[in-house]
Amino acid sequence: MRNLALRLMYDGTDFHGWQVQPNGITVQECLQDAVQTILRSRDSITGCSRTDTGVHANDFCCTLRTESDMDCYRLVGALNAVLPDSIAVKSCEEMPLGFHPRYDCKKKRYLYRIWNSPQKNPFLKDYAWHYKKRLDADFLNAQAQQFVGTYDFAAFCSSGSSVEDTVRTIYLCSVVRNGDEVDFYVEGSGFLYHMVRIMVGSLIEISEKRIEKDTLTAIIEGMDREKAGRTAPAQGLYLDAVSYGEAEG
């Protein structure tokens, strides 16, 4: 038995998230189909995260357990030849059998893109949140620093999550402007259900003065979901990087 770590990138627009489910096509199902086509076996595939419907990934790690002896270079090319254009395998690496893409992950970084212009951008309709009112990126960047640290983020978790431990460590947050686009980056040990989208929604509501500035720390400490902001739309969210060791940053 081999344990192969595949690094993927995908456009989540037409998928019902990563994980196989009965009500729609998913990234995991497409990858399983491709593996079955190439290796003639429906081998086990485990992902590093459960991205939601419409969420994208610039870097996603999953493991393929297989008896096949096909070398990694050939497997990458073969999978990319049969996968839909919205999914690409970037690399394949043989790992120890005990390696787990979720539990061994040290850090995850997410990117949330906001198209911040009065005019819509048809090329970003599935890839960024169109927010018309001008945002002060420097101000929001200063506010976002309140997220950095180890806290109970229960206030930033949507209902429906089965997770009992809601403590997470956030290593860095940044909000930067690039022309008419405002990007929110956050890196942490892990994230709760809709956590990044609620963080973004809370920053937007600070900008709108629906939430008072400099109160994010108090909202975190209060652990009340009703005090945090709305959940930002899915299409602006990207799993941007996953790291498995200190050397990866």
C-alpha atoms as a PDB file:
ATOM      1  CA  MET A   1       0.000   0.000   0.000  1.00  0.00           C
ATOM      2  CA  ARG A   2       1.253   3.493  -0.930  1.00  0.00           C
ATOM      3  CA  ASN A   3       0.164   6.815   0.553  1.00  0.00           C
ATOM      4  CA  LEU A   4       0.453   9.559  -2.070  1.00  0.00           C
ATOM      5  CA  ALA A   5       0.016  13.246  -1.212  1.00  0.00           C
ATOM      6  CA  LEU A   6      -1.597  15.127  -4.099  1.00  0.00           C
ATOM      7  CA  ARG A   7      -1.547  18.932  -4.187  1.00  0.00           C
ATOM      8  CA  LEU A   8      -4.518  20.364  -6.079  1.00  0.00           C
ATOM      9  CA  MET A   9      -5.959  23.655  -7.185  1.00  0.00           C
ATOM     10  CA  TYR A  10      -9.587  24.024  -8.201  1.00  0.00           C
ATOM     11  CA  ASP A  11     -12.340  26.402  -9.203  1.00  0.00           C
ATOM     12  CA  GLY A  12     -15.171  25.618  -6.813  1.00  0.00           C
ATOM     13  CA  THR A  13     -17.904  27.436  -8.748  1.00  0.00           C
ATOM     14  CA  ASP A  14     -19.660  24.352 -10.085  1.00  0.00           C
ATOM     15  CA  PHE A  15     -18.988  22.048  -7.149  1.00  0.00           C
ATOM     16  CA  HIS A  16     -20.900  21.353  -3.940  1.00  0.00           C
ATOM     17  CA  GLY A  17     -17.662  21.624  -1.997  1.00  0.00           C
ATOM     18  CA  TRP A  18     -14.905  19.064  -1.535  1.00  0.00           C
ATOM     19  CA  GLN A  19     -16.542  16.131   0.220  1.00  0.00           C
ATOM     20  CA  VAL A  20     -18.667  13.529  -1.549  1.00  0.00           C
ATOM     21  CA  GLN A  21     -22.379  14.045  -0.878  1.00  0.00           C
ATOM     22  CA  PRO A  22     -25.611  12.827  -2.440  1.00  0.00           C
ATOM     23  CA  ASN A  23     -27.042  16.176  -3.578  1.00  0.00           C
ATOM     24  CA  GLY A  24     -24.424  17.360  -6.057  1.00  0.00           C
ATOM     25  CA  ILE A  25     -21.087  16.858  -7.760  1.00  0.00           C
ATOM     26  CA  THR A  26     -18.014  17.463  -5.585  1.00  0.00           C
ATOM     27  CA  VAL A  27     -14.272  17.817  -6.091  1.00  0.00           C
ATOM     28  CA  GLN A  28     -13.554  14.606  -4.188  1.00  0.00           C
ATOM     29  CA  GLU A  29     -15.981  12.639  -6.367  1.00  0.00           C
ATOM     30  CA  CYS A  30     -14.407  13.979  -9.567  1.00  0.00           C
ATOM     31  CA  LEU A  31     -10.956  13.034  -8.310  1.00  0.00           C
ATOM     32  CA  GLN A  32     -12.148   9.544  -7.334  1.00  0.00           C
ATOM     33  CA  ASP A  33     -13.632   9.114 -10.805  1.00  0.00           C
ATOM     34  CA  ALA A  34     -10.344  10.191 -12.406  1.00  0.00           C
ATOM     35  CA  VAL A  35      -8.312   7.823 -10.213  1.00  0.00           C
ATOM     36  CA  GLN A  36     -10.646   4.956 -11.102  1.00  0.00           C
ATOM     37  CA  THR A  37     -10.261   5.732 -14.802  1.00  0.00           C
ATOM     38  CA  ILE A  38      -6.447   5.759 -14.587  1.00  0.00           C
ATOM     39  CA  LEU A  39      -5.735   3.075 -11.991  1.00  0.00           C
ATOM     40  CA  ARG A  40      -8.827   0.873 -12.519  1.00  0.00           C
ATOM     41  CA  SER A  41      -9.558   0.997  -8.794  1.00  0.00           C
ATOM     42  CA  ARG A  42     -11.688   3.327  -6.660  1.00  0.00           C
ATOM     43  CA  ASP A  43      -8.994   4.008  -4.078  1.00  0.00           C
ATOM     44  CA  SER A  44      -9.403   5.925  -0.813  1.00  0.00           C
ATOM     45  CA  ILE A  45      -8.928   9.715  -1.005  1.00  0.00           C
ATOM     46  CA  THR A  46      -8.768  11.921   2.112  1.00  0.00           C
ATOM     47  CA  GLY A  47      -8.729  15.734   2.032  1.00  0.00           C
ATOM     48  CA  CYS A  48      -7.087  18.325   4.259  1.00  0.00           C
ATOM     49  CA  SER A  49     -10.281  20.369   4.597  1.00  0.00           C
ATOM     50  CA  ARG A  50     -13.980  20.481   3.733  1.00  0.00           C
ATOM     51  CA  THR A  51     -14.413  23.496   1.488  1.00  0.00           C
ATOM     52  CA  ASP A  52     -18.006  24.631   0.961  1.00  0.00           C
ATOM     53  CA  THR A  53     -20.051  25.059  -2.202  1.00  0.00           C
ATOM     54  CA  GLY A  54     -18.513  27.763  -4.403  1.00  0.00           C
ATOM     55  CA  VAL A  55     -15.256  28.016  -2.424  1.00  0.00           C
ATOM     56  CA  HIS A  56     -11.997  27.743  -4.374  1.00  0.00           C
ATOM     57  CA  ALA A  57      -8.536  26.371  -3.621  1.00  0.00           C
ATOM     58  CA  ASN A  58      -5.114  27.560  -4.739  1.00  0.00           C
ATOM     59  CA  ASP A  59      -3.469  24.817  -2.679  1.00  0.00           C
ATOM     60  CA  PHE A  60      -5.306  21.745  -1.391  1.00  0.00           C
ATOM     61  CA  CYS A  61      -3.660  18.584  -0.108  1.00  0.00           C
ATOM     62  CA  CYS A  62      -5.256  15.157  -0.193  1.00  0.00           C
ATOM     63  CA  THR A  63      -3.913  11.624   0.134  1.00  0.00           C
ATOM     64  CA  LEU A  64      -4.490   8.731  -2.224  1.00  0.00           C
ATOM     65  CA  ARG A  65      -3.986   5.237  -0.797  1.00  0.00           C
ATOM     66  CA  THR A  66      -3.313   2.840  -3.636  1.00  0.00           C
ATOM     67  CA  GLU A  67      -1.662  -0.448  -4.557  1.00  0.00           C
ATOM     68  CA  SER A  68      -0.678   0.973  -7.948  1.00  0.00           C
ATOM     69  CA  ASP A  69       3.022   1.247  -8.751  1.00  0.00           C
ATOM     70  CA  MET A  70       2.573   4.119 -11.245  1.00  0.00           C
ATOM     71  CA  ASP A  71       5.253   6.735 -10.569  1.00  0.00           C
ATOM     72  CA  CYS A  72       4.202  10.162  -9.291  1.00  0.00           C
ATOM     73  CA  TYR A  73       5.176  12.112 -12.409  1.00  0.00           C
ATOM     74  CA  ARG A  74       3.122   9.882 -14.708  1.00  0.00           C
ATOM     75  CA  LEU A  75       0.162   9.904 -12.314  1.00  0.00           C
ATOM     76  CA  VAL A  76       0.006  13.709 -12.264  1.00  0.00           C
ATOM     77  CA  GLY A  77      -0.079  13.871 -16.036  1.00  0.00           C
ATOM     78  CA  ALA A  78      -2.615  11.072 -16.352  1.00  0.00           C
ATOM     79  CA  LEU A  79      -5.004  12.574 -13.804  1.00  0.00           C
ATOM     80  CA  ASN A  80      -4.814  16.030 -15.375  1.00  0.00           C
ATOM     81  CA  ALA A  81      -5.654  14.497 -18.746  1.00  0.00           C
ATOM     82  CA  VAL A  82      -9.013  13.174 -17.508  1.00  0.00           C
ATOM     83  CA  LEU A  83     -10.008  15.658 -14.787  1.00  0.00           C
ATOM     84  CA  PRO A  84     -12.376  18.514 -15.678  1.00  0.00           C
ATOM     85  CA  ASP A  85     -10.690  21.819 -16.510  1.00  0.00           C
ATOM     86  CA  SER A  86     -11.779  23.240 -13.150  1.00  0.00           C
ATOM     87  CA  ILE A  87      -9.468  20.850 -11.230  1.00  0.00           C
ATOM     88  CA  ALA A  88      -5.690  20.511 -11.587  1.00  0.00           C
ATOM     89  CA  VAL A  89      -3.185  18.278  -9.814  1.00  0.00           C
ATOM     90  CA  LYS A  90      -0.038  20.315  -9.140  1.00  0.00           C
ATOM     91  CA  SER A  91       2.170  17.610  -7.647  1.00  0.00           C
ATOM     92  CA  CYS A  92       2.337  14.127  -6.167  1.00  0.00           C
ATOM     93  CA  GLU A  93       4.676  12.941  -3.408  1.00  0.00           C
ATOM     94  CA  GLU A  94       5.039   9.576  -1.715  1.00  0.00           C
ATOM     95  CA  MET A  95       4.447   9.892   2.028  1.00  0.00           C
ATOM     96  CA  PRO A  96       4.658   7.557   5.050  1.00  0.00           C
ATOM     97  CA  LEU A  97       1.520   5.489   5.591  1.00  0.00           C
ATOM     98  CA  GLY A  98       0.833   7.395   8.817  1.00  0.00           C
ATOM     99  CA  PHE A  99       0.682  10.809   7.120  1.00  0.00           C
ATOM    100  CA  HIS A 100      -2.767  12.429   7.299  1.00  0.00           C
ATOM    101  CA  PRO A 101      -3.476  15.584   5.245  1.00  0.00           C
ATOM    102  CA  ARG A 102      -5.807  17.064   7.846  1.00  0.00           C
ATOM    103  CA  TYR A 103      -4.349  16.068  11.197  1.00  0.00           C
ATOM    104  CA  ASP A 104      -0.716  16.651  10.204  1.00  0.00           C
ATOM    105  CA  CYS A 105      -1.396  20.108   8.770  1.00  0.00           C
ATOM    106  CA  LYS A 106       0.459  22.779  10.782  1.00  0.00           C
ATOM    107  CA  LYS A 107      -0.968  25.911   9.157  1.00  0.00           C
ATOM    108  CA  LYS A 108      -3.635  26.937   6.694  1.00  0.00           C
ATOM    109  CA  ARG A 109      -3.841  30.252   4.914  1.00  0.00           C
ATOM    110  CA  TYR A 110      -7.039  31.612   3.426  1.00  0.00           C
ATOM    111  CA  LEU A 111      -7.545  34.461   0.992  1.00  0.00           C
ATOM    112  CA  TYR A 112     -10.796  36.385   0.676  1.00  0.00           C
ATOM    113  CA  ARG A 113     -11.159  38.633  -2.383  1.00  0.00           C
ATOM    114  CA  ILE A 114     -13.438  41.690  -2.514  1.00  0.00           C
ATOM    115  CA  TRP A 115     -14.072  43.565  -5.756  1.00  0.00           C
ATOM    116  CA  ASN A 116     -14.426  47.048  -4.304  1.00  0.00           C
ATOM    117  CA  SER A 117     -15.827  49.221  -7.072  1.00  0.00           C
ATOM    118  CA  PRO A 118     -19.185  50.852  -7.898  1.00  0.00           C
ATOM    119  CA  GLN A 119     -19.063  48.944 -11.193  1.00  0.00           C
ATOM    120  CA  LYS A 120     -19.335  45.174 -11.336  1.00  0.00           C
ATOM    121  CA  ASN A 121     -16.619  43.049 -12.897  1.00  0.00           C
ATOM    122  CA  PRO A 122     -18.162  40.225 -14.958  1.00  0.00           C
ATOM    123  CA  PHE A 123     -14.877  38.293 -14.900  1.00  0.00           C
ATOM    124  CA  LEU A 124     -14.931  38.141 -11.076  1.00  0.00           C
ATOM    125  CA  LYS A 125     -18.602  37.351 -10.474  1.00  0.00           C
ATOM    126  CA  ASP A 126     -17.727  33.836  -9.268  1.00  0.00           C
ATOM    127  CA  TYR A 127     -14.356  34.725  -7.768  1.00  0.00           C
ATOM    128  CA  ALA A 128     -14.814  37.787  -5.530  1.00  0.00           C
ATOM    129  CA  TRP A 129     -17.488  39.525  -3.466  1.00  0.00           C
ATOM    130  CA  HIS A 130     -18.664  42.657  -5.244  1.00  0.00           C
ATOM    131  CA  TYR A 131     -18.881  45.321  -2.537  1.00  0.00           C
ATOM    132  CA  LYS A 132     -19.585  48.783  -3.935  1.00  0.00           C
ATOM    133  CA  LYS A 133     -18.873  51.194  -1.063  1.00  0.00           C
ATOM    134  CA  ARG A 134     -15.234  52.269  -0.788  1.00  0.00           C
ATOM    135  CA  LEU A 135     -13.289  50.354   1.871  1.00  0.00           C
ATOM    136  CA  ASP A 136     -10.370  51.778   3.845  1.00  0.00           C
ATOM    137  CA  ALA A 137      -7.969  48.828   3.635  1.00  0.00           C
ATOM    138  CA  ASP A 138      -5.453  50.332   6.064  1.00  0.00           C
ATOM    139  CA  PHE A 139      -8.154  50.863   8.672  1.00  0.00           C
ATOM    140  CA  LEU A 140      -9.500  47.329   8.216  1.00  0.00           C
ATOM    141  CA  ASN A 141      -5.981  45.922   8.402  1.00  0.00           C
ATOM    142  CA  ALA A 142      -5.505  47.605  11.785  1.00  0.00           C
ATOM    143  CA  GLN A 143      -8.855  46.220  12.991  1.00  0.00           C
ATOM    144  CA  ALA A 144      -8.012  42.719  11.780  1.00  0.00           C
ATOM    145  CA  GLN A 145      -5.017  42.519  14.131  1.00  0.00           C
ATOM    146  CA  GLN A 146      -7.512  41.839  16.946  1.00  0.00           C
ATOM    147  CA  PHE A 147      -7.976  38.358  15.488  1.00  0.00           C
ATOM    148  CA  VAL A 148      -4.307  37.443  15.985  1.00  0.00           C
ATOM    149  CA  GLY A 149      -3.672  35.131  18.926  1.00  0.00           C
ATOM    150  CA  THR A 150      -5.100  32.001  20.522  1.00  0.00           C
ATOM    151  CA  TYR A 151      -8.780  32.403  21.386  1.00  0.00           C
ATOM    152  CA  ASP A 152     -12.082  30.604  21.569  1.00  0.00           C
ATOM    153  CA  PHE A 153     -13.652  31.637  18.253  1.00  0.00           C
ATOM    154  CA  ALA A 154     -17.151  30.308  19.002  1.00  0.00           C
ATOM    155  CA  ALA A 155     -18.596  33.706  18.002  1.00  0.00           C
ATOM    156  CA  PHE A 156     -17.138  33.178  14.520  1.00  0.00           C
ATOM    157  CA  CYS A 157     -18.598  29.727  13.867  1.00  0.00           C
ATOM    158  CA  SER A 158     -21.911  29.125  12.078  1.00  0.00           C
ATOM    159  CA  SER A 159     -24.549  26.862  13.576  1.00  0.00           C
ATOM    160  CA  GLY A 160     -24.461  23.329  12.220  1.00  0.00           C
ATOM    161  CA  SER A 161     -20.849  22.674  13.182  1.00  0.00           C
ATOM    162  CA  SER A 162     -20.243  19.494  15.177  1.00  0.00           C
ATOM    163  CA  VAL A 163     -16.854  20.679  16.455  1.00  0.00           C
ATOM    164  CA  GLU A 164     -16.631  20.774  20.258  1.00  0.00           C
ATOM    165  CA  ASP A 165     -13.271  22.536  20.623  1.00  0.00           C
ATOM    166  CA  THR A 166     -13.598  26.039  19.149  1.00  0.00           C
ATOM    167  CA  VAL A 167     -10.168  27.303  20.240  1.00  0.00           C
ATOM    168  CA  ARG A 168      -7.923  28.228  17.339  1.00  0.00           C
ATOM    169  CA  THR A 169      -4.635  30.116  16.896  1.00  0.00           C
ATOM    170  CA  ILE A 170      -4.429  32.872  14.300  1.00  0.00           C
ATOM    171  CA  TYR A 171      -0.831  33.687  13.358  1.00  0.00           C
ATOM    172  CA  LEU A 172      -1.424  36.633  11.066  1.00  0.00           C
ATOM    173  CA  CYS A 173      -4.102  38.714   9.373  1.00  0.00           C
ATOM    174  CA  SER A 174      -3.726  41.339   6.699  1.00  0.00           C
ATOM    175  CA  VAL A 175      -6.012  43.472   4.560  1.00  0.00           C
ATOM    176  CA  VAL A 176      -4.402  44.950   1.453  1.00  0.00           C
ATOM    177  CA  ARG A 177      -5.666  46.939  -1.513  1.00  0.00           C
ATOM    178  CA  ASN A 178      -4.588  46.211  -5.069  1.00  0.00           C
ATOM    179  CA  GLY A 179      -6.355  48.681  -7.316  1.00  0.00           C
ATOM    180  CA  ASP A 180     -10.077  48.005  -7.062  1.00  0.00           C
ATOM    181  CA  GLU A 181      -9.526  44.731  -5.219  1.00  0.00           C
ATOM    182  CA  VAL A 182      -9.263  44.405  -1.441  1.00  0.00           C
ATOM    183  CA  ASP A 183      -7.772  41.129  -0.223  1.00  0.00           C
ATOM    184  CA  PHE A 184      -8.030  39.651   3.255  1.00  0.00           C
ATOM    185  CA  TYR A 185      -5.383  37.066   4.217  1.00  0.00           C
ATOM    186  CA  VAL A 186      -5.534  35.006   7.389  1.00  0.00           C
ATOM    187  CA  GLU A 187      -3.223  32.214   8.516  1.00  0.00           C
ATOM    188  CA  GLY A 188      -3.968  29.932  11.432  1.00  0.00           C
ATOM    189  CA  SER A 189      -3.657  26.512  13.008  1.00  0.00           C
ATOM    190  CA  GLY A 190      -7.158  25.686  11.778  1.00  0.00           C
ATOM    191  CA  PHE A 191     -10.544  27.250  11.130  1.00  0.00           C
ATOM    192  CA  LEU A 192     -14.142  26.701  12.187  1.00  0.00           C
ATOM    193  CA  TYR A 193     -17.227  26.377   9.987  1.00  0.00           C
ATOM    194  CA  HIS A 194     -17.583  29.662   8.027  1.00  0.00           C
ATOM    195  CA  MET A 195     -15.006  31.277  10.335  1.00  0.00           C
ATOM    196  CA  VAL A 196     -13.100  33.213   7.662  1.00  0.00           C
ATOM    197  CA  ARG A 197     -16.299  34.415   5.993  1.00  0.00           C
ATOM    198  CA  ILE A 198     -17.637  35.654   9.351  1.00  0.00           C
ATOM    199  CA  MET A 199     -14.333  37.416  10.054  1.00  0.00           C
ATOM    200  CA  VAL A 200     -14.640  39.215   6.712  1.00  0.00           C
ATOM    201  CA  GLY A 201     -18.297  40.017   7.326  1.00  0.00           C
ATOM    202  CA  SER A 202     -17.419  41.468  10.720  1.00  0.00           C
ATOM    203  CA  LEU A 203     -14.755  43.724   9.216  1.00  0.00           C
ATOM    204  CA  ILE A 204     -17.267  44.926   6.640  1.00  0.00           C
ATOM    205  CA  GLU A 205     -19.774  45.717   9.385  1.00  0.00           C
ATOM    206  CA  ILE A 206     -17.111  47.706  11.225  1.00  0.00           C
ATOM    207  CA  SER A 207     -16.614  49.660   7.998  1.00  0.00           C
ATOM    208  CA  GLU A 208     -20.398  50.196   7.854  1.00  0.00           C
ATOM    209  CA  LYS A 209     -20.413  51.234  11.547  1.00  0.00           C
ATOM    210  CA  ARG A 210     -22.844  48.410  12.347  1.00  0.00           C
ATOM    211  CA  ILE A 211     -20.150  47.081  14.691  1.00  0.00           C
ATOM    212  CA  GLU A 212     -18.085  49.533  16.725  1.00  0.00           C
ATOM    213  CA  LYS A 213     -14.393  49.712  15.875  1.00  0.00           C
ATOM    214  CA  ASP A 214     -11.932  48.130  18.311  1.00  0.00           C
ATOM    215  CA  THR A 215     -14.578  45.722  19.667  1.00  0.00           C
ATOM    216  CA  LEU A 216     -13.551  42.497  17.919  1.00  0.00           C
ATOM    217  CA  THR A 217     -11.594  41.356  20.974  1.00  0.00           C
ATOM    218  CA  ALA A 218     -14.685  41.818  23.145  1.00  0.00           C
ATOM    219  CA  ILE A 219     -16.826  39.940  20.596  1.00  0.00           C
ATOM    220  CA  ILE A 220     -14.358  37.061  20.615  1.00  0.00           C
ATOM    221  CA  GLU A 221     -14.372  36.977  24.423  1.00  0.00           C
ATOM    222  CA  GLY A 222     -18.185  37.099  24.497  1.00  0.00           C
ATOM    223  CA  MET A 223     -18.440  33.933  22.349  1.00  0.00           C
ATOM    224  CA  ASP A 224     -21.847  35.067  21.019  1.00  0.00           C
ATOM    225  CA  ARG A 225     -22.392  34.490  17.300  1.00  0.00           C
ATOM    226  CA  GLU A 226     -25.113  37.177  17.254  1.00  0.00           C
ATOM    227  CA  LYS A 227     -22.548  39.858  18.143  1.00  0.00           C
ATOM    228  CA  ALA A 228     -20.252  39.079  15.198  1.00  0.00           C
ATOM    229  CA  GLY A 229     -20.906  40.186  11.637  1.00  0.00           C
ATOM    230  CA  ARG A 230     -22.675  38.519   8.747  1.00  0.00           C
ATOM    231  CA  THR A 231     -21.239  35.635   6.758  1.00  0.00           C
ATOM    232  CA  ALA A 232     -19.555  36.907   3.588  1.00  0.00           C
ATOM    233  CA  PRO A 233     -20.469  35.160   0.302  1.00  0.00           C
ATOM    234  CA  ALA A 234     -18.685  31.922  -0.556  1.00  0.00           C
ATOM    235  CA  GLN A 235     -17.314  32.867  -3.969  1.00  0.00           C
ATOM    236  CA  GLY A 236     -14.653  35.224  -2.592  1.00  0.00           C
ATOM    237  CA  LEU A 237     -12.987  32.552  -0.464  1.00  0.00           C
ATOM    238  CA  TYR A 238      -9.869  30.562  -1.396  1.00  0.00           C
ATOM    239  CA  LEU A 239      -7.908  27.990   0.548  1.00  0.00           C
ATOM    240  CA  ASP A 240      -4.603  29.620  -0.370  1.00  0.00           C
ATOM    241  CA  ALA A 241      -1.926  27.433   1.216  1.00  0.00           C
ATOM    242  CA  VAL A 242      -1.512  24.431   3.512  1.00  0.00           C
ATOM    243  CA  SER A 243       1.756  23.808   5.368  1.00  0.00           C
ATOM    244  CA  TYR A 244       3.089  20.621   6.948  1.00  0.00           C
ATOM    245  CA  GLY A 245       6.396  21.711   8.429  1.00  0.00           C
ATOM    246  CA  GLU A 246       8.346  24.691   9.676  1.00  0.00           C
ATOM    247  CA  ALA A 247      10.341  24.811   6.441  1.00  0.00           C
ATOM    248  CA  GLU A 248       7.150  25.610   4.541  1.00  0.00           C
ATOM    249  CA  GLY A 249       6.523  28.729   6.629  1.00  0.00           C
END
